[in-house]
Amino acid sequence: YHTAALSTDNLAREYFGDQAMLGYVKNVQREEIRQGIACVK
C-alpha cells in the first residue's frame, strides 16, 4: 500500500514536472532494464 503510494508520488512529481518523459524513462524503464525486472516486457 505504501510502496504504491510512494512510487506513484515520485513518478507524478517527475513526469508532470520539468523532467516530463525523462521522469518515466530514467526512473522507471531504465531501472527496470538494468535491474532485470521481468515486467519491463
PDB file of all heavy atoms in Angstrom:
ATOM      1  N   TYR A   1       0.854  -1.191   0.000  1.00  0.00           N
ATOM      2  CA  TYR A   1       0.000   0.000   0.000  1.00  0.00           C
ATOM      3  C   TYR A   1       0.891   1.243   0.000  1.00  0.00           C
ATOM      4  O   TYR A   1       0.689   2.189  -0.768  1.00  0.00           O
ATOM      5  CB  TYR A   1      -0.888  -0.042   1.246  1.00  0.00           C
ATOM      6  CG  TYR A   1      -1.798   1.154   1.459  1.00  0.00           C
ATOM      7  CD1 TYR A   1      -3.078   1.184   0.917  1.00  0.00           C
ATOM      8  CD2 TYR A   1      -1.395   2.226   2.244  1.00  0.00           C
ATOM      9  CE1 TYR A   1      -3.932   2.257   1.138  1.00  0.00           C
ATOM     10  CE2 TYR A   1      -2.233   3.307   2.469  1.00  0.00           C
ATOM     11  CZ  TYR A   1      -3.504   3.316   1.913  1.00  0.00           C
ATOM     12  OH  TYR A   1      -4.341   4.389   2.149  1.00  0.00           O
ATOM     13  N   HIS A   2       1.907   1.222   0.857  1.00  0.00           N
ATOM     14  CA  HIS A   2       2.792   2.369   0.995  1.00  0.00           C
ATOM     15  C   HIS A   2       3.755   2.501  -0.186  1.00  0.00           C
ATOM     16  O   HIS A   2       4.037   3.611  -0.639  1.00  0.00           O
ATOM     17  CB  HIS A   2       3.552   2.276   2.314  1.00  0.00           C
ATOM     18  CG  HIS A   2       2.676   2.448   3.515  1.00  0.00           C
ATOM     19  ND1 HIS A   2       2.272   3.683   3.961  1.00  0.00           N
ATOM     20  CD2 HIS A   2       2.102   1.538   4.340  1.00  0.00           C
ATOM     21  CE1 HIS A   2       1.499   3.535   5.030  1.00  0.00           C
ATOM     22  NE2 HIS A   2       1.375   2.238   5.280  1.00  0.00           N
ATOM     23  N   THR A   3       4.274   1.378  -0.684  1.00  0.00           N
ATOM     24  CA  THR A   3       5.198   1.474  -1.821  1.00  0.00           C
ATOM     25  C   THR A   3       4.475   1.964  -3.073  1.00  0.00           C
ATOM     26  O   THR A   3       5.054   2.710  -3.872  1.00  0.00           O
ATOM     27  CB  THR A   3       5.874   0.123  -2.103  1.00  0.00           C
ATOM     28  OG1 THR A   3       4.872  -0.893  -2.280  1.00  0.00           O
ATOM     29  CG2 THR A   3       6.806  -0.265  -0.976  1.00  0.00           C
ATOM     30  N   ALA A   4       3.222   1.557  -3.250  1.00  0.00           N
ATOM     31  CA  ALA A   4       2.457   2.040  -4.403  1.00  0.00           C
ATOM     32  C   ALA A   4       2.264   3.556  -4.321  1.00  0.00           C
ATOM     33  O   ALA A   4       2.408   4.276  -5.324  1.00  0.00           O
ATOM     34  CB  ALA A   4       1.103   1.335  -4.480  1.00  0.00           C
ATOM     35  N   ALA A   5       1.969   4.054  -3.117  1.00  0.00           N
ATOM     36  CA  ALA A   5       1.780   5.490  -2.940  1.00  0.00           C
ATOM     37  C   ALA A   5       3.085   6.249  -3.167  1.00  0.00           C
ATOM     38  O   ALA A   5       3.116   7.284  -3.848  1.00  0.00           O
ATOM     39  CB  ALA A   5       1.241   5.774  -1.542  1.00  0.00           C
ATOM     40  N   LEU A   6       4.184   5.735  -2.623  1.00  0.00           N
ATOM     41  CA  LEU A   6       5.474   6.416  -2.744  1.00  0.00           C
ATOM     42  C   LEU A   6       5.963   6.448  -4.189  1.00  0.00           C
ATOM     43  O   LEU A   6       6.380   7.506  -4.689  1.00  0.00           O
ATOM     44  CB  LEU A   6       6.506   5.719  -1.851  1.00  0.00           C
ATOM     45  CG  LEU A   6       7.927   6.292  -1.890  1.00  0.00           C
ATOM     46  CD1 LEU A   6       7.948   7.729  -1.394  1.00  0.00           C
ATOM     47  CD2 LEU A   6       8.867   5.415  -1.049  1.00  0.00           C
ATOM     48  N   SER A   7       5.917   5.298  -4.862  1.00  0.00           N
ATOM     49  CA  SER A   7       6.419   5.255  -6.237  1.00  0.00           C
ATOM     50  C   SER A   7       5.552   6.095  -7.169  1.00  0.00           C
ATOM     51  O   SER A   7       6.060   6.752  -8.088  1.00  0.00           O
ATOM     52  CB  SER A   7       6.487   3.810  -6.738  1.00  0.00           C
ATOM     53  OG  SER A   7       5.204   3.204  -6.731  1.00  0.00           O
ATOM     54  N   THR A   8       4.242   6.110  -6.934  1.00  0.00           N
ATOM     55  CA  THR A   8       3.356   6.924  -7.768  1.00  0.00           C
ATOM     56  C   THR A   8       3.605   8.417  -7.530  1.00  0.00           C
ATOM     57  O   THR A   8       3.606   9.213  -8.477  1.00  0.00           O
ATOM     58  CB  THR A   8       1.886   6.581  -7.472  1.00  0.00           C
ATOM     59  OG1 THR A   8       1.672   5.187  -7.717  1.00  0.00           O
ATOM     60  CG2 THR A   8       0.945   7.381  -8.362  1.00  0.00           C
ATOM     61  N   ASP A   9       3.827   8.793  -6.282  1.00  0.00           N
ATOM     62  CA  ASP A   9       4.138  10.182  -5.981  1.00  0.00           C
ATOM     63  C   ASP A   9       5.431  10.617  -6.673  1.00  0.00           C
ATOM     64  O   ASP A   9       5.505  11.710  -7.271  1.00  0.00           O
ATOM     65  CB  ASP A   9       4.281  10.355  -4.468  1.00  0.00           C
ATOM     66  CG  ASP A   9       4.641  11.780  -4.069  1.00  0.00           C
ATOM     67  OD1 ASP A   9       3.717  12.592  -3.866  1.00  0.00           O
ATOM     68  OD2 ASP A   9       5.847  12.089  -3.984  1.00  0.00           O
ATOM     69  N   ASN A  10       6.456   9.759  -6.617  1.00  0.00           N
ATOM     70  CA  ASN A  10       7.732  10.102  -7.245  1.00  0.00           C
ATOM     71  C   ASN A  10       7.598  10.239  -8.754  1.00  0.00           C
ATOM     72  O   ASN A  10       8.157  11.159  -9.362  1.00  0.00           O
ATOM     73  CB  ASN A  10       8.786   9.048  -6.901  1.00  0.00           C
ATOM     74  CG  ASN A  10       9.189   9.101  -5.440  1.00  0.00           C
ATOM     75  OD1 ASN A  10       8.995  10.106  -4.765  1.00  0.00           O
ATOM     76  ND2 ASN A  10       9.744   8.008  -4.939  1.00  0.00           N
ATOM     77  N   LEU A  11       6.854   9.337  -9.376  1.00  0.00           N
ATOM     78  CA  LEU A  11       6.656   9.412 -10.818  1.00  0.00           C
ATOM     79  C   LEU A  11       5.853  10.653 -11.199  1.00  0.00           C
ATOM     80  O   LEU A  11       6.195  11.362 -12.157  1.00  0.00           O
ATOM     81  CB  LEU A  11       5.942   8.152 -11.317  1.00  0.00           C
ATOM     82  CG  LEU A  11       5.560   8.140 -12.798  1.00  0.00           C
ATOM     83  CD1 LEU A  11       6.792   8.283 -13.694  1.00  0.00           C
ATOM     84  CD2 LEU A  11       4.787   6.861 -13.140  1.00  0.00           C
ATOM     85  N   ALA A  12       4.788  10.933 -10.462  1.00  0.00           N
ATOM     86  CA  ALA A  12       3.958  12.100 -10.772  1.00  0.00           C
ATOM     87  C   ALA A  12       4.761  13.395 -10.653  1.00  0.00           C
ATOM     88  O   ALA A  12       4.629  14.308 -11.488  1.00  0.00           O
ATOM     89  CB  ALA A  12       2.745  12.143  -9.843  1.00  0.00           C
ATOM     90  N   ARG A  13       5.594  13.491  -9.628  1.00  0.00           N
ATOM     91  CA  ARG A  13       6.418  14.691  -9.448  1.00  0.00           C
ATOM     92  C   ARG A  13       7.335  14.928 -10.646  1.00  0.00           C
ATOM     93  O   ARG A  13       7.488  16.058 -11.127  1.00  0.00           O
ATOM     94  CB  ARG A  13       7.257  14.539  -8.175  1.00  0.00           C
ATOM     95  CG  ARG A  13       8.130  15.752  -7.853  1.00  0.00           C
ATOM     96  CD  ARG A  13       9.112  15.452  -6.738  1.00  0.00           C
ATOM     97  NE  ARG A  13      10.068  14.423  -7.154  1.00  0.00           N
ATOM     98  CZ  ARG A  13      10.410  13.380  -6.407  1.00  0.00           C
ATOM     99  NH1 ARG A  13       9.850  13.204  -5.225  1.00  0.00           N
ATOM    100  NH2 ARG A  13      11.287  12.500  -6.846  1.00  0.00           N
ATOM    101  N   GLU A  14       7.941  13.840 -11.141  1.00  0.00           N
ATOM    102  CA  GLU A  14       8.891  13.970 -12.247  1.00  0.00           C
ATOM    103  C   GLU A  14       8.175  14.152 -13.590  1.00  0.00           C
ATOM    104  O   GLU A  14       8.505  15.045 -14.375  1.00  0.00           O
ATOM    105  CB  GLU A  14       9.786  12.727 -12.308  1.00  0.00           C
ATOM    106  CG  GLU A  14      10.658  12.531 -11.086  1.00  0.00           C
ATOM    107  CD  GLU A  14      11.758  13.569 -10.996  1.00  0.00           C
ATOM    108  OE1 GLU A  14      12.396  13.842 -12.027  1.00  0.00           O
ATOM    109  OE2 GLU A  14      11.957  14.117  -9.889  1.00  0.00           O
ATOM    110  N   TYR A  15       7.202  13.284 -13.860  1.00  0.00           N
ATOM    111  CA  TYR A  15       6.559  13.268 -15.178  1.00  0.00           C
ATOM    112  C   TYR A  15       5.777  14.551 -15.455  1.00  0.00           C
ATOM    113  O   TYR A  15       5.831  15.095 -16.549  1.00  0.00           O
ATOM    114  CB  TYR A  15       5.634  12.057 -15.284  1.00  0.00           C
ATOM    115  CG  TYR A  15       4.874  11.986 -16.589  1.00  0.00           C
ATOM    116  CD1 TYR A  15       5.513  11.633 -17.774  1.00  0.00           C
ATOM    117  CD2 TYR A  15       3.523  12.304 -16.637  1.00  0.00           C
ATOM    118  CE1 TYR A  15       4.824  11.582 -18.977  1.00  0.00           C
ATOM    119  CE2 TYR A  15       2.822  12.253 -17.829  1.00  0.00           C
ATOM    120  CZ  TYR A  15       3.478  11.893 -18.995  1.00  0.00           C
ATOM    121  OH  TYR A  15       2.794  11.854 -20.178  1.00  0.00           O
ATOM    122  N   PHE A  16       5.050  15.038 -14.454  1.00  0.00           N
ATOM    123  CA  PHE A  16       4.256  16.258 -14.647  1.00  0.00           C
ATOM    124  C   PHE A  16       5.065  17.532 -14.381  1.00  0.00           C
ATOM    125  O   PHE A  16       4.547  18.634 -14.515  1.00  0.00           O
ATOM    126  CB  PHE A  16       3.007  16.223 -13.758  1.00  0.00           C
ATOM    127  CG  PHE A  16       2.025  15.156 -14.171  1.00  0.00           C
ATOM    128  CD1 PHE A  16       1.926  13.973 -13.459  1.00  0.00           C
ATOM    129  CD2 PHE A  16       1.226  15.324 -15.292  1.00  0.00           C
ATOM    130  CE1 PHE A  16       1.029  12.983 -13.847  1.00  0.00           C
ATOM    131  CE2 PHE A  16       0.323  14.340 -15.689  1.00  0.00           C
ATOM    132  CZ  PHE A  16       0.237  13.163 -14.970  1.00  0.00           C
ATOM    133  N   GLY A  17       6.330  17.356 -14.029  1.00  0.00           N
ATOM    134  CA  GLY A  17       7.221  18.490 -13.831  1.00  0.00           C
ATOM    135  C   GLY A  17       8.149  18.672 -15.012  1.00  0.00           C
ATOM    136  O   GLY A  17       7.871  18.240 -16.142  1.00  0.00           O
ATOM    137  N   ASP A  18       9.309  19.271 -14.769  1.00  0.00           N
ATOM    138  CA  ASP A  18      10.242  19.604 -15.837  1.00  0.00           C
ATOM    139  C   ASP A  18      10.828  18.370 -16.523  1.00  0.00           C
ATOM    140  O   ASP A  18      11.207  18.428 -17.695  1.00  0.00           O
ATOM    141  CB  ASP A  18      11.395  20.459 -15.282  1.00  0.00           C
ATOM    142  CG  ASP A  18      10.931  21.847 -14.861  1.00  0.00           C
ATOM    143  OD1 ASP A  18       9.851  22.274 -15.333  1.00  0.00           O
ATOM    144  OD2 ASP A  18      11.635  22.489 -14.058  1.00  0.00           O
ATOM    145  N   GLN A  19      10.906  17.255 -15.824  1.00  0.00           N
ATOM    146  CA  GLN A  19      11.538  16.062 -16.421  1.00  0.00           C
ATOM    147  C   GLN A  19      10.650  15.398 -17.467  1.00  0.00           C
ATOM    148  O   GLN A  19      11.157  14.688 -18.339  1.00  0.00           O
ATOM    149  CB  GLN A  19      11.879  15.049 -15.314  1.00  0.00           C
ATOM    150  CG  GLN A  19      12.938  15.535 -14.341  1.00  0.00           C
ATOM    151  CD  GLN A  19      14.250  15.839 -15.036  1.00  0.00           C
ATOM    152  OE1 GLN A  19      14.848  14.964 -15.665  1.00  0.00           O
ATOM    153  NE2 GLN A  19      14.684  17.089 -14.945  1.00  0.00           N
ATOM    154  N   ALA A  20       9.359  15.594 -17.375  1.00  0.00           N
ATOM    155  CA  ALA A  20       8.406  15.048 -18.365  1.00  0.00           C
ATOM    156  C   ALA A  20       8.702  13.572 -18.653  1.00  0.00           C
ATOM    157  O   ALA A  20       8.818  12.785 -17.725  1.00  0.00           O
ATOM    158  CB  ALA A  20       8.430  15.900 -19.633  1.00  0.00           C
ATOM    159  N   MET A  21       8.850  13.195 -19.915  1.00  0.00           N
ATOM    160  CA  MET A  21       9.013  11.787 -20.274  1.00  0.00           C
ATOM    161  C   MET A  21      10.291  11.191 -19.684  1.00  0.00           C
ATOM    162  O   MET A  21      10.355   9.998 -19.375  1.00  0.00           O
ATOM    163  CB  MET A  21       9.007  11.616 -21.792  1.00  0.00           C
ATOM    164  CG  MET A  21       8.884  10.165 -22.246  1.00  0.00           C
ATOM    165  SD  MET A  21       7.373   9.397 -21.586  1.00  0.00           S
ATOM    166  CE  MET A  21       7.746   7.663 -21.847  1.00  0.00           C
ATOM    167  N   LEU A  22      11.315  12.031 -19.493  1.00  0.00           N
ATOM    168  CA  LEU A  22      12.548  11.528 -18.891  1.00  0.00           C
ATOM    169  C   LEU A  22      12.300  11.048 -17.462  1.00  0.00           C
ATOM    170  O   LEU A  22      12.985  10.129 -16.983  1.00  0.00           O
ATOM    171  CB  LEU A  22      13.628  12.622 -18.903  1.00  0.00           C
ATOM    172  CG  LEU A  22      14.991  12.217 -18.333  1.00  0.00           C
ATOM    173  CD1 LEU A  22      15.585  11.052 -19.131  1.00  0.00           C
ATOM    174  CD2 LEU A  22      15.938  13.413 -18.317  1.00  0.00           C
ATOM    175  N   GLY A  23      11.326  11.647 -16.786  1.00  0.00           N
ATOM    176  CA  GLY A  23      10.986  11.211 -15.437  1.00  0.00           C
ATOM    177  C   GLY A  23      10.550   9.757 -15.401  1.00  0.00           C
ATOM    178  O   GLY A  23      10.839   9.038 -14.436  1.00  0.00           O
ATOM    179  N   TYR A  24       9.847   9.321 -16.444  1.00  0.00           N
ATOM    180  CA  TYR A  24       9.457   7.904 -16.544  1.00  0.00           C
ATOM    181  C   TYR A  24      10.626   7.044 -17.005  1.00  0.00           C
ATOM    182  O   TYR A  24      10.945   6.020 -16.399  1.00  0.00           O
ATOM    183  CB  TYR A  24       8.276   7.730 -17.497  1.00  0.00           C
ATOM    184  CG  TYR A  24       7.968   6.272 -17.771  1.00  0.00           C
ATOM    185  CD1 TYR A  24       7.269   5.511 -16.837  1.00  0.00           C
ATOM    186  CD2 TYR A  24       8.422   5.650 -18.930  1.00  0.00           C
ATOM    187  CE1 TYR A  24       7.019   4.164 -17.060  1.00  0.00           C
ATOM    188  CE2 TYR A  24       8.179   4.305 -19.164  1.00  0.00           C
ATOM    189  CZ  TYR A  24       7.470   3.558 -18.233  1.00  0.00           C
ATOM    190  OH  TYR A  24       7.236   2.236 -18.441  1.00  0.00           O
ATOM    191  N   VAL A  25      11.274   7.481 -18.083  1.00  0.00           N
ATOM    192  CA  VAL A  25      12.324   6.656 -18.692  1.00  0.00           C
ATOM    193  C   VAL A  25      13.484   6.432 -17.722  1.00  0.00           C
ATOM    194  O   VAL A  25      13.945   5.307 -17.532  1.00  0.00           O
ATOM    195  CB  VAL A  25      12.820   7.298 -20.001  1.00  0.00           C
ATOM    196  CG1 VAL A  25      14.042   6.551 -20.539  1.00  0.00           C
ATOM    197  CG2 VAL A  25      11.707   7.303 -21.030  1.00  0.00           C
ATOM    198  N   LYS A  26      13.962   7.503 -17.113  1.00  0.00           N
ATOM    199  CA  LYS A  26      15.136   7.408 -16.247  1.00  0.00           C
ATOM    200  C   LYS A  26      14.849   6.650 -14.961  1.00  0.00           C
ATOM    201  O   LYS A  26      15.658   5.818 -14.515  1.00  0.00           O
ATOM    202  CB  LYS A  26      15.644   8.820 -15.925  1.00  0.00           C
ATOM    203  CG  LYS A  26      16.893   8.840 -15.054  1.00  0.00           C
ATOM    204  CD  LYS A  26      17.341  10.279 -14.799  1.00  0.00           C
ATOM    205  CE  LYS A  26      18.575  10.314 -13.898  1.00  0.00           C
ATOM    206  NZ  LYS A  26      19.012  11.702 -13.634  1.00  0.00           N
ATOM    207  N   ASN A  27      13.714   6.936 -14.345  1.00  0.00           N
ATOM    208  CA  ASN A  27      13.440   6.394 -13.009  1.00  0.00           C
ATOM    209  C   ASN A  27      12.638   5.103 -13.007  1.00  0.00           C
ATOM    210  O   ASN A  27      12.572   4.427 -11.978  1.00  0.00           O
ATOM    211  CB  ASN A  27      12.712   7.445 -12.167  1.00  0.00           C
ATOM    212  CG  ASN A  27      13.553   8.685 -11.951  1.00  0.00           C
ATOM    213  OD1 ASN A  27      14.727   8.596 -11.627  1.00  0.00           O
ATOM    214  ND2 ASN A  27      12.958   9.853 -12.161  1.00  0.00           N
ATOM    215  N   VAL A  28      12.019   4.772 -14.147  1.00  0.00           N
ATOM    216  CA  VAL A  28      11.224   3.546 -14.201  1.00  0.00           C
ATOM    217  C   VAL A  28      11.803   2.583 -15.232  1.00  0.00           C
ATOM    218  O   VAL A  28      12.424   1.575 -14.885  1.00  0.00           O
ATOM    219  CB  VAL A  28       9.732   3.849 -14.512  1.00  0.00           C
ATOM    220  CG1 VAL A  28       8.930   2.544 -14.544  1.00  0.00           C
ATOM    221  CG2 VAL A  28       9.148   4.793 -13.463  1.00  0.00           C
ATOM    222  N   GLN A  29      11.653   2.899 -16.521  1.00  0.00           N
ATOM    223  CA  GLN A  29      12.012   1.913 -17.532  1.00  0.00           C
ATOM    224  C   GLN A  29      13.503   1.576 -17.536  1.00  0.00           C
ATOM    225  O   GLN A  29      13.883   0.408 -17.628  1.00  0.00           O
ATOM    226  CB  GLN A  29      11.591   2.403 -18.927  1.00  0.00           C
ATOM    227  CG  GLN A  29      11.754   1.316 -19.981  1.00  0.00           C
ATOM    228  CD  GLN A  29      11.365   1.812 -21.359  1.00  0.00           C
ATOM    229  OE1 GLN A  29      12.132   2.511 -22.013  1.00  0.00           O
ATOM    230  NE2 GLN A  29      10.170   1.432 -21.793  1.00  0.00           N
ATOM    231  N   ARG A  30      14.343   2.602 -17.428  1.00  0.00           N
ATOM    232  CA  ARG A  30      15.783   2.344 -17.440  1.00  0.00           C
ATOM    233  C   ARG A  30      16.193   1.465 -16.265  1.00  0.00           C
ATOM    234  O   ARG A  30      17.031   0.567 -16.396  1.00  0.00           O
ATOM    235  CB  ARG A  30      16.552   3.670 -17.429  1.00  0.00           C
ATOM    236  CG  ARG A  30      18.035   3.545 -17.752  1.00  0.00           C
ATOM    237  CD  ARG A  30      18.680   4.918 -17.812  1.00  0.00           C
ATOM    238  NE  ARG A  30      18.127   5.725 -18.907  1.00  0.00           N
ATOM    239  CZ  ARG A  30      18.347   7.037 -19.050  1.00  0.00           C
ATOM    240  NH1 ARG A  30      19.090   7.678 -18.140  1.00  0.00           N
ATOM    241  NH2 ARG A  30      17.833   7.697 -20.054  1.00  0.00           N
ATOM    242  N   GLU A  31      15.569   1.707 -15.106  1.00  0.00           N
ATOM    243  CA  GLU A  31      15.876   0.891 -13.924  1.00  0.00           C
ATOM    244  C   GLU A  31      15.313  -0.524 -14.066  1.00  0.00           C
ATOM    245  O   GLU A  31      15.923  -1.488 -13.601  1.00  0.00           O
ATOM    246  CB  GLU A  31      15.330   1.563 -12.669  1.00  0.00           C
ATOM    247  CG  GLU A  31      16.087   2.822 -12.276  1.00  0.00           C
ATOM    248  CD  GLU A  31      17.573   2.561 -12.079  1.00  0.00           C
ATOM    249  OE1 GLU A  31      17.916   1.615 -11.336  1.00  0.00           O
ATOM    250  OE2 GLU A  31      18.393   3.275 -12.677  1.00  0.00           O
ATOM    251  N   GLU A  32      14.148  -0.652 -14.676  1.00  0.00           N
ATOM    252  CA  GLU A  32      13.605  -1.994 -14.932  1.00  0.00           C
ATOM    253  C   GLU A  32      14.582  -2.812 -15.772  1.00  0.00           C
ATOM    254  O   GLU A  32      14.849  -3.990 -15.480  1.00  0.00           O
ATOM    255  CB  GLU A  32      12.271  -1.888 -15.686  1.00  0.00           C
ATOM    256  CG  GLU A  32      11.078  -1.483 -14.855  1.00  0.00           C
ATOM    257  CD  GLU A  32       9.812  -1.474 -15.687  1.00  0.00           C
ATOM    258  OE1 GLU A  32       9.764  -0.745 -16.697  1.00  0.00           O
ATOM    259  OE2 GLU A  32       8.877  -2.215 -15.338  1.00  0.00           O
ATOM    260  N   ILE A  33      15.094  -2.189 -16.835  1.00  0.00           N
ATOM    261  CA  ILE A  33      16.019  -2.895 -17.730  1.00  0.00           C
ATOM    262  C   ILE A  33      17.287  -3.283 -16.984  1.00  0.00           C
ATOM    263  O   ILE A  33      17.737  -4.435 -17.029  1.00  0.00           O
ATOM    264  CB  ILE A  33      16.355  -2.019 -18.960  1.00  0.00           C
ATOM    265  CG1 ILE A  33      15.099  -1.805 -19.819  1.00  0.00           C
ATOM    266  CG2 ILE A  33      17.467  -2.648 -19.789  1.00  0.00           C
ATOM    267  CD1 ILE A  33      15.270  -0.741 -20.897  1.00  0.00           C
ATOM    268  N   ARG A  34      17.872  -2.317 -16.286  1.00  0.00           N
ATOM    269  CA  ARG A  34      19.166  -2.555 -15.653  1.00  0.00           C
ATOM    270  C   ARG A  34      19.085  -3.450 -14.428  1.00  0.00           C
ATOM    271  O   ARG A  34      20.058  -4.145 -14.095  1.00  0.00           O
ATOM    272  CB  ARG A  34      19.801  -1.211 -15.304  1.00  0.00           C
ATOM    273  CG  ARG A  34      20.209  -0.451 -16.574  1.00  0.00           C
ATOM    274  CD  ARG A  34      20.796   0.911 -16.302  1.00  0.00           C
ATOM    275  NE  ARG A  34      21.253   1.514 -17.564  1.00  0.00           N
ATOM    276  CZ  ARG A  34      21.686   2.760 -17.683  1.00  0.00           C
ATOM    277  NH1 ARG A  34      21.702   3.556 -16.615  1.00  0.00           N
ATOM    278  NH2 ARG A  34      22.083   3.230 -18.845  1.00  0.00           N
ATOM    279  N   GLN A  35      17.945  -3.465 -13.760  1.00  0.00           N
ATOM    280  CA  GLN A  35      17.780  -4.344 -12.597  1.00  0.00           C
ATOM    281  C   GLN A  35      17.173  -5.695 -12.964  1.00  0.00           C
ATOM    282  O   GLN A  35      16.977  -6.536 -12.090  1.00  0.00           O
ATOM    283  CB  GLN A  35      16.912  -3.654 -11.544  1.00  0.00           C
ATOM    284  CG  GLN A  35      17.559  -2.422 -10.923  1.00  0.00           C
ATOM    285  CD  GLN A  35      16.700  -1.808  -9.835  1.00  0.00           C
ATOM    286  OE1 GLN A  35      16.081  -2.528  -9.040  1.00  0.00           O
ATOM    287  NE2 GLN A  35      16.650  -0.482  -9.783  1.00  0.00           N
ATOM    288  N   GLY A  36      16.889  -5.884 -14.236  1.00  0.00           N
ATOM    289  CA  GLY A  36      16.344  -7.166 -14.665  1.00  0.00           C
ATOM    290  C   GLY A  36      14.946  -7.429 -14.171  1.00  0.00           C
ATOM    291  O   GLY A  36      14.593  -8.568 -13.822  1.00  0.00           O
ATOM    292  N   ILE A  37      14.118  -6.388 -14.138  1.00  0.00           N
ATOM    293  CA  ILE A  37      12.723  -6.550 -13.715  1.00  0.00           C
ATOM    294  C   ILE A  37      11.944  -7.180 -14.871  1.00  0.00           C
ATOM    295  O   ILE A  37      11.848  -6.603 -15.955  1.00  0.00           O
ATOM    296  CB  ILE A  37      12.099  -5.199 -13.326  1.00  0.00           C
ATOM    297  CG1 ILE A  37      12.946  -4.493 -12.253  1.00  0.00           C
ATOM    298  CG2 ILE A  37      10.667  -5.393 -12.842  1.00  0.00           C
ATOM    299  CD1 ILE A  37      13.098  -5.249 -10.960  1.00  0.00           C
ATOM    300  N   ALA A  38      11.408  -8.353 -14.641  1.00  0.00           N
ATOM    301  CA  ALA A  38      10.751  -9.095 -15.722  1.00  0.00           C
ATOM    302  C   ALA A  38       9.608  -8.322 -16.350  1.00  0.00           C
ATOM    303  O   ALA A  38       9.302  -8.475 -17.534  1.00  0.00           O
ATOM    304  CB  ALA A  38      10.253 -10.441 -15.188  1.00  0.00           C
ATOM    305  N   CYS A  39       8.973  -7.465 -15.554  1.00  0.00           N
ATOM    306  CA  CYS A  39       7.783  -6.765 -16.017  1.00  0.00           C
ATOM    307  C   CYS A  39       8.084  -5.723 -17.094  1.00  0.00           C
ATOM    308  O   CYS A  39       7.157  -5.180 -17.694  1.00  0.00           O
ATOM    309  CB  CYS A  39       7.114  -6.097 -14.820  1.00  0.00           C
ATOM    310  SG  CYS A  39       5.373  -5.749 -15.069  1.00  0.00           S
ATOM    311  N   VAL A  40       9.359  -5.423 -17.354  1.00  0.00           N
ATOM    312  CA  VAL A  40       9.669  -4.491 -18.439  1.00  0.00           C
ATOM    313  C   VAL A  40       9.098  -5.016 -19.759  1.00  0.00           C
ATOM    314  O   VAL A  40       8.705  -4.244 -20.631  1.00  0.00           O
ATOM    315  CB  VAL A  40      11.197  -4.227 -18.541  1.00  0.00           C
ATOM    316  CG1 VAL A  40      11.937  -5.453 -19.069  1.00  0.00           C
ATOM    317  CG2 VAL A  40      11.485  -2.998 -19.404  1.00  0.00           C
ATOM    318  N   LYS A  41       9.055  -6.344 -19.892  1.00  0.00           N
ATOM    319  CA  LYS A  41       8.376  -6.966 -21.041  1.00  0.00           C
ATOM    320  C   LYS A  41       6.931  -7.233 -20.614  1.00  0.00           C
ATOM    321  O   LYS A  41       6.541  -8.365 -20.356  1.00  0.00           O
ATOM    322  CB  LYS A  41       9.073  -8.261 -21.436  1.00  0.00           C
ATOM    323  CG  LYS A  41      10.523  -8.075 -21.900  1.00  0.00           C
ATOM    324  CD  LYS A  41      11.119  -9.401 -22.320  1.00  0.00           C
ATOM    325  CE  LYS A  41      12.562  -9.249 -22.777  1.00  0.00           C
ATOM    326  NZ  LYS A  41      13.164 -10.529 -23.193  1.00  0.00           N
TER     327      LYS A  41
END
